């Protein structure tokens, strides 16, 4: 699976760990940055990542910042992007099942790395249910 990953300085340390973990699981991973933990502006990384996910260049995206809010707000400006802020494993599952989310937003200051891995694995493994949810998803883009 092709996965895009990015965020900001608060997500940098998690991103490094997750890239290794995802590659060990056989995924191809594109790092959209940042490339250090120096203070930076998350839109500089979230916009290119979200654009690539919207174009279906990548199967999924992972965005990580301190609260997860900034990266999700930014990514959701793109048509065909459904970035879901997740801090529980069940939220990761439901975001895929009911919302066909294609980017998971991680709040690095509120979840540990082990739970982050579990959420990402659940996000990757959970299919969209379609059915009654498809009509709702069809109404998301402006």
C-alpha atoms as a PDB file:
ATOM      1  CA  UNK A   1       0.000   0.000   0.000  1.00  0.00           C
ATOM      2  CA  UNK A   2       1.190   3.551  -0.753  1.00  0.00           C
ATOM      3  CA  UNK A   3       0.964   5.814   2.270  1.00  0.00           C
ATOM      4  CA  UNK A   4       1.704   9.537   2.561  1.00  0.00           C
ATOM      5  CA  UNK A   5       2.879  10.877   5.912  1.00  0.00           C
ATOM      6  CA  UNK A   6       3.530  14.366   7.201  1.00  0.00           C
ATOM      7  CA  UNK A   7       2.705  16.895   9.865  1.00  0.00           C
ATOM      8  CA  UNK A   8       4.579  19.509  11.821  1.00  0.00           C
ATOM      9  CA  UNK A   9       7.376  19.759  14.373  1.00  0.00           C
ATOM     10  CA  UNK A  10       5.191  18.274  17.159  1.00  0.00           C
ATOM     11  CA  UNK A  11       4.654  15.174  15.036  1.00  0.00           C
ATOM     12  CA  UNK A  12       8.204  14.806  13.769  1.00  0.00           C
ATOM     13  CA  UNK A  13       9.411  12.213  16.292  1.00  0.00           C
ATOM     14  CA  UNK A  14       6.315  10.040  15.789  1.00  0.00           C
ATOM     15  CA  UNK A  15       6.662  10.364  12.024  1.00  0.00           C
ATOM     16  CA  UNK A  16      10.217   8.990  12.105  1.00  0.00           C
ATOM     17  CA  UNK A  17       9.106   5.945  14.119  1.00  0.00           C
ATOM     18  CA  UNK A  18       6.017   5.367  11.980  1.00  0.00           C
ATOM     19  CA  UNK A  19       7.908   5.466   8.690  1.00  0.00           C
ATOM     20  CA  UNK A  20      10.192   2.648   9.849  1.00  0.00           C
ATOM     21  CA  UNK A  21       7.237   0.667  11.238  1.00  0.00           C
ATOM     22  CA  UNK A  22       5.161   1.062   8.053  1.00  0.00           C
ATOM     23  CA  UNK A  23       8.081   0.077   5.804  1.00  0.00           C
ATOM     24  CA  UNK A  24       8.717  -3.009   7.968  1.00  0.00           C
ATOM     25  CA  UNK A  25       5.083  -3.959   7.288  1.00  0.00           C
ATOM     26  CA  UNK A  26       5.759  -3.744   3.537  1.00  0.00           C
ATOM     27  CA  UNK A  27       4.146  -0.382   2.785  1.00  0.00           C
ATOM     28  CA  UNK A  28       5.627   2.238   0.495  1.00  0.00           C
ATOM     29  CA  UNK A  29       5.841   5.516   2.382  1.00  0.00           C
ATOM     30  CA  UNK A  30       6.291   9.058   1.078  1.00  0.00           C
ATOM     31  CA  UNK A  31       7.497  11.549   3.684  1.00  0.00           C
ATOM     32  CA  UNK A  32       6.022  14.990   3.006  1.00  0.00           C
ATOM     33  CA  UNK A  33       7.909  16.546   5.922  1.00  0.00           C
ATOM     34  CA  UNK A  34       8.857  18.265   8.016  1.00  0.00           C
ATOM     35  CA  UNK A  35      12.364  16.937   8.115  1.00  0.00           C
ATOM     36  CA  UNK A  36      13.344  18.224  11.553  1.00  0.00           C
ATOM     37  CA  UNK A  37      11.659  19.077  14.832  1.00  0.00           C
ATOM     38  CA  UNK A  38      12.265  22.817  14.389  1.00  0.00           C
ATOM     39  CA  UNK A  39       9.131  24.952  14.555  1.00  0.00           C
ATOM     40  CA  UNK A  40       7.311  25.010  11.227  1.00  0.00           C
ATOM     41  CA  UNK A  41       3.927  25.731   9.651  1.00  0.00           C
ATOM     42  CA  UNK A  42       1.798  22.581   9.249  1.00  0.00           C
ATOM     43  CA  UNK A  43      -0.068  23.826   6.124  1.00  0.00           C
ATOM     44  CA  UNK A  44       3.233  23.727   4.220  1.00  0.00           C
ATOM     45  CA  UNK A  45       3.183  19.938   4.603  1.00  0.00           C
ATOM     46  CA  UNK A  46      -0.515  19.118   4.992  1.00  0.00           C
ATOM     47  CA  UNK A  47      -1.578  20.797   1.730  1.00  0.00           C
ATOM     48  CA  UNK A  48       0.796  18.865  -0.565  1.00  0.00           C
ATOM     49  CA  UNK A  49      -0.010  15.594   1.221  1.00  0.00           C
ATOM     50  CA  UNK A  50      -3.774  16.162   1.017  1.00  0.00           C
ATOM     51  CA  UNK A  51      -3.533  17.117  -2.656  1.00  0.00           C
ATOM     52  CA  UNK A  52      -1.699  13.893  -3.442  1.00  0.00           C
ATOM     53  CA  UNK A  53      -4.251  11.809  -1.501  1.00  0.00           C
ATOM     54  CA  UNK A  54      -7.112  13.608  -3.284  1.00  0.00           C
ATOM     55  CA  UNK A  55      -5.520  12.653  -6.619  1.00  0.00           C
ATOM     56  CA  UNK A  56      -5.322   9.043  -5.382  1.00  0.00           C
ATOM     57  CA  UNK A  57      -1.540   8.955  -5.743  1.00  0.00           C
ATOM     58  CA  UNK A  58      -1.559   7.432  -2.248  1.00  0.00           C
ATOM     59  CA  UNK A  59      -4.050   5.016  -0.714  1.00  0.00           C
ATOM     60  CA  UNK A  60      -4.048   6.827   2.616  1.00  0.00           C
ATOM     61  CA  UNK A  61      -2.464   9.736   4.406  1.00  0.00           C
ATOM     62  CA  UNK A  62      -1.237  10.146   7.967  1.00  0.00           C
ATOM     63  CA  UNK A  63      -0.921  13.640   9.399  1.00  0.00           C
ATOM     64  CA  UNK A  64       0.546  14.247  12.843  1.00  0.00           C
ATOM     65  CA  UNK A  65       0.697  17.441  14.867  1.00  0.00           C
ATOM     66  CA  UNK A  66       0.342  18.316  18.540  1.00  0.00           C
ATOM     67  CA  UNK A  67      -3.463  18.400  18.651  1.00  0.00           C
ATOM     68  CA  UNK A  68      -4.186  16.912  15.224  1.00  0.00           C
ATOM     69  CA  UNK A  69      -6.601  19.753  14.590  1.00  0.00           C
ATOM     70  CA  UNK A  70      -4.477  22.012  12.420  1.00  0.00           C
ATOM     71  CA  UNK A  71      -3.455  19.306   9.979  1.00  0.00           C
ATOM     72  CA  UNK A  72      -7.008  17.958   9.688  1.00  0.00           C
ATOM     73  CA  UNK A  73      -8.534  21.401   9.162  1.00  0.00           C
ATOM     74  CA  UNK A  74      -5.958  22.096   6.461  1.00  0.00           C
ATOM     75  CA  UNK A  75      -6.334  18.743   4.707  1.00  0.00           C
ATOM     76  CA  UNK A  76     -10.114  18.965   4.687  1.00  0.00           C
ATOM     77  CA  UNK A  77      -9.946  22.092   2.507  1.00  0.00           C
ATOM     78  CA  UNK A  78      -9.223  19.738  -0.400  1.00  0.00           C
ATOM     79  CA  UNK A  79     -12.107  18.178  -2.318  1.00  0.00           C
ATOM     80  CA  UNK A  80     -12.149  14.386  -2.030  1.00  0.00           C
ATOM     81  CA  UNK A  81     -10.168  14.461   1.215  1.00  0.00           C
ATOM     82  CA  UNK A  82     -11.788  13.207   4.374  1.00  0.00           C
ATOM     83  CA  UNK A  83      -9.267  13.709   7.169  1.00  0.00           C
ATOM     84  CA  UNK A  84     -10.412  12.312  10.513  1.00  0.00           C
ATOM     85  CA  UNK A  85      -8.957  13.343  13.843  1.00  0.00           C
ATOM     86  CA  UNK A  86      -8.548  10.158  15.872  1.00  0.00           C
ATOM     87  CA  UNK A  87      -7.436   9.592  19.457  1.00  0.00           C
ATOM     88  CA  UNK A  88      -9.095   6.209  20.023  1.00  0.00           C
ATOM     89  CA  UNK A  89      -8.870   2.983  18.035  1.00  0.00           C
ATOM     90  CA  UNK A  90     -12.649   2.850  17.601  1.00  0.00           C
ATOM     91  CA  UNK A  91     -12.632   6.341  16.069  1.00  0.00           C
ATOM     92  CA  UNK A  92     -10.080   5.196  13.502  1.00  0.00           C
ATOM     93  CA  UNK A  93     -12.322   2.271  12.614  1.00  0.00           C
ATOM     94  CA  UNK A  94     -15.526   4.327  12.441  1.00  0.00           C
ATOM     95  CA  UNK A  95     -13.871   7.024  10.352  1.00  0.00           C
ATOM     96  CA  UNK A  96     -13.192   4.399   7.700  1.00  0.00           C
ATOM     97  CA  UNK A  97     -16.445   2.424   8.058  1.00  0.00           C
ATOM     98  CA  UNK A  98     -18.856   5.356   8.053  1.00  0.00           C
ATOM     99  CA  UNK A  99     -16.959   8.276   6.506  1.00  0.00           C
ATOM    100  CA  UNK A 100     -14.564   6.646   4.045  1.00  0.00           C
ATOM    101  CA  UNK A 101     -11.784   8.722   5.623  1.00  0.00           C
ATOM    102  CA  UNK A 102      -8.604   8.699   3.588  1.00  0.00           C
ATOM    103  CA  UNK A 103      -6.357  10.613   6.001  1.00  0.00           C
ATOM    104  CA  UNK A 104      -5.964   9.928   9.686  1.00  0.00           C
ATOM    105  CA  UNK A 105      -5.020  12.860  11.897  1.00  0.00           C
ATOM    106  CA  UNK A 106      -3.023  12.005  15.001  1.00  0.00           C
ATOM    107  CA  UNK A 107      -2.702  14.281  18.074  1.00  0.00           C
ATOM    108  CA  UNK A 108       0.827  13.388  19.190  1.00  0.00           C
ATOM    109  CA  UNK A 109       0.499  15.229  22.494  1.00  0.00           C
ATOM    110  CA  UNK A 110      -2.515  13.140  23.505  1.00  0.00           C
ATOM    111  CA  UNK A 111      -1.792   9.559  22.375  1.00  0.00           C
ATOM    112  CA  UNK A 112       1.316   7.458  22.842  1.00  0.00           C
ATOM    113  CA  UNK A 113       3.161   5.866  19.949  1.00  0.00           C
ATOM    114  CA  UNK A 114       1.833   2.350  20.632  1.00  0.00           C
ATOM    115  CA  UNK A 115      -1.785   3.517  20.491  1.00  0.00           C
ATOM    116  CA  UNK A 116      -0.923   5.543  17.391  1.00  0.00           C
ATOM    117  CA  UNK A 117       0.306   2.395  15.660  1.00  0.00           C
ATOM    118  CA  UNK A 118      -2.858   0.532  16.667  1.00  0.00           C
ATOM    119  CA  UNK A 119      -5.052   3.335  15.311  1.00  0.00           C
ATOM    120  CA  UNK A 120      -3.162   3.447  12.029  1.00  0.00           C
ATOM    121  CA  UNK A 121      -3.328  -0.328  11.645  1.00  0.00           C
ATOM    122  CA  UNK A 122      -7.080  -0.272  12.304  1.00  0.00           C
ATOM    123  CA  UNK A 123      -7.477   2.615   9.825  1.00  0.00           C
ATOM    124  CA  UNK A 124      -5.613   0.681   7.110  1.00  0.00           C
ATOM    125  CA  UNK A 125      -7.440  -2.603   7.780  1.00  0.00           C
ATOM    126  CA  UNK A 126     -10.994  -1.250   7.993  1.00  0.00           C
ATOM    127  CA  UNK A 127     -12.995  -1.019   4.764  1.00  0.00           C
ATOM    128  CA  UNK A 128     -15.664   1.566   4.002  1.00  0.00           C
ATOM    129  CA  UNK A 129     -19.113   0.029   4.562  1.00  0.00           C
ATOM    130  CA  UNK A 130     -20.763   1.959   1.742  1.00  0.00           C
ATOM    131  CA  UNK A 131     -24.525   1.422   1.676  1.00  0.00           C
ATOM    132  CA  UNK A 132     -26.370   4.081   3.643  1.00  0.00           C
ATOM    133  CA  UNK A 133     -23.068   5.834   4.354  1.00  0.00           C
ATOM    134  CA  UNK A 134     -22.245   6.325   0.652  1.00  0.00           C
ATOM    135  CA  UNK A 135     -25.029   8.860   0.161  1.00  0.00           C
ATOM    136  CA  UNK A 136     -23.705  10.898   3.083  1.00  0.00           C
ATOM    137  CA  UNK A 137     -20.124  10.774   1.842  1.00  0.00           C
ATOM    138  CA  UNK A 138     -21.348  11.890  -1.594  1.00  0.00           C
ATOM    139  CA  UNK A 139     -22.666  15.095   0.008  1.00  0.00           C
ATOM    140  CA  UNK A 140     -19.379  16.132   1.652  1.00  0.00           C
ATOM    141  CA  UNK A 141     -17.618  17.953  -1.233  1.00  0.00           C
ATOM    142  CA  UNK A 142     -18.777  21.455  -2.127  1.00  0.00           C
END
